[in-house]
């Protein structure tokens, strides 16, 4: 089992894995239809998307947390 201290990296890693997969499949089918070799094209696009999505998520998460903090009221105890 992986230590919980890696949660801040593992969560975006797993999340971007699935998001990149879904979005790359959608965009591949929208742009190309369902061509022969779709699986190969999709997997190549998925890998490329994930290589960009993970670092982008690691940079965007702190910014998103800060924005959400500004938009929400402090916790009442």
Foldseek 3Di string as FASTA:
>chain_A
DDDPVCVLLVVLLVVLLVVLLVVLLVVLCVVPNCDPVSVVSSVVSSVVSSVVRSVVCNVCVVVVVVVVVVVDDDDDD
